Amino acid sequence: MGGVFSAVYNTEASIFGNPAGLTVVEANNVSAAFSVQNLDYESLPIDNGTEQGTGPQVITAAQLNEKVSFRLSPSMQYSRAIGKFGVAFGYFYDLDNRGSTMRVDKTTAVYIVDERKFIADTNTILKYDLYRESIPVLSIGYAVKPDLAVGIRLKYRQQTYKKGVITRPVELTAVHDPDVNRNDATKLLPAIMNNLDIGKTIEDYKNGLGSVDEVEADSSGRGLDFDFGIQTKLYDKGNVCLGFMLDHLIQRKVAFAQPSEIRIGLGAIPLEWLNAGVDFRKSLSKKGLEMNLGWEAHYEWQKGFSGGVIFRNGFSRESSENNLSLGIGLRLGGSVWEYALVKMLDSSPISKANHLLSSTTRF
């Protein structure tokens, strides 16, 4: 629904939306979700190589030069209402590989005649740009009155960010017997192959022998974050609700703090099968106003078995980017399976969009 949640009557979704909505959760809800975003794999150009120094070794063109980026975000959550209270707890994980590259240089071979020694060198070069965050979450809602609820959400955020270049050599060596005729390739080549110390090479590579790690960034932090929300019903006709959220109020010792944000929204159920909402967001550290709007239509049946289908659509403008979202869901009994797509309105490929799969079981 385009990221609308502050006033939408969305019950179990309140663990990541407005925690005030937890007071109307039905029964017990267990959910699992997995999203993938910014998935991109490409082969980079392979240069023609350059000679370095005056020695016998020459660094030539790469055998492999690949780039991969992705963002993976799995989560699990549980929610239920107890009297005037609603409670939810869950765990979220975010792994963002921001464009790592792997390069394998072509092999340079040297044969030292006096020592009867063959040496083959290859460098593997990994450029990494990696961010990860894990967040245990606890949310509590309380119904102050039948038409007014408040909620809080506590998050313990654990963050790590690393960026740099790791260069790791792969060196194969072989020393052959003195009785091998070095002028006869049919004798010399098998002697070299038979004496290659491959086991040692693999062990040295695994242990990082001779590797160099040029660190550009290495930071981490962990600490509490806090959100506060309110939901109140304005009109019974159409189930019109007003929502208010304060996000990221305290971020003690968090390495990469998010700007505190105010969110105000309206939600409505004009028809039994239709939900709609709009949110307006204002960051306390940025200029401009951001917006989310969306709708959801659903159809349910009880003939033969309990089931239903859900269709969603939304639009958002966040950080000067326009995003279109589409979603579909299927309910069978107490279980719901859903898919959502969030795509920037630009020429980027569909693989770089956010694809979300989720499943919820109610019991």
Foldseek 3Di string as FASTA:
>chain_A
DQPDAQAFLPAVVCQPGALQSVQPHDFKKKKKKKKKFQWDKDFDDWDQADQDDDDQWGFGIWPGKMKTWMKMKIKIKMWHHDVQKIKMKIKIKIKTWPIKMKTKTDKTWDQDVVQQKIKIKIKIKIWTWIKMKMKIKIKMKGPPDPFKIKMKMKIKIKMKTWTWMKIAMQMKMFHFDPVFDPVDCVRSVVRRVVGIPVVVRVVCRVVRPPMDIGTPDIDIWIDMFMKMKMKGFDDPQQRKIKMKMWGRPDDPGGPDGDFIKIKIKIWGRNDPFKIWMKIWMDGPVDDDIKIKIKMKGKDWDPPPFTKIKMWIWIWIQDPNWIKIKIKIWIGGHQKIKMWMWIGTPDDDDSNNTMIMIMMMGGD
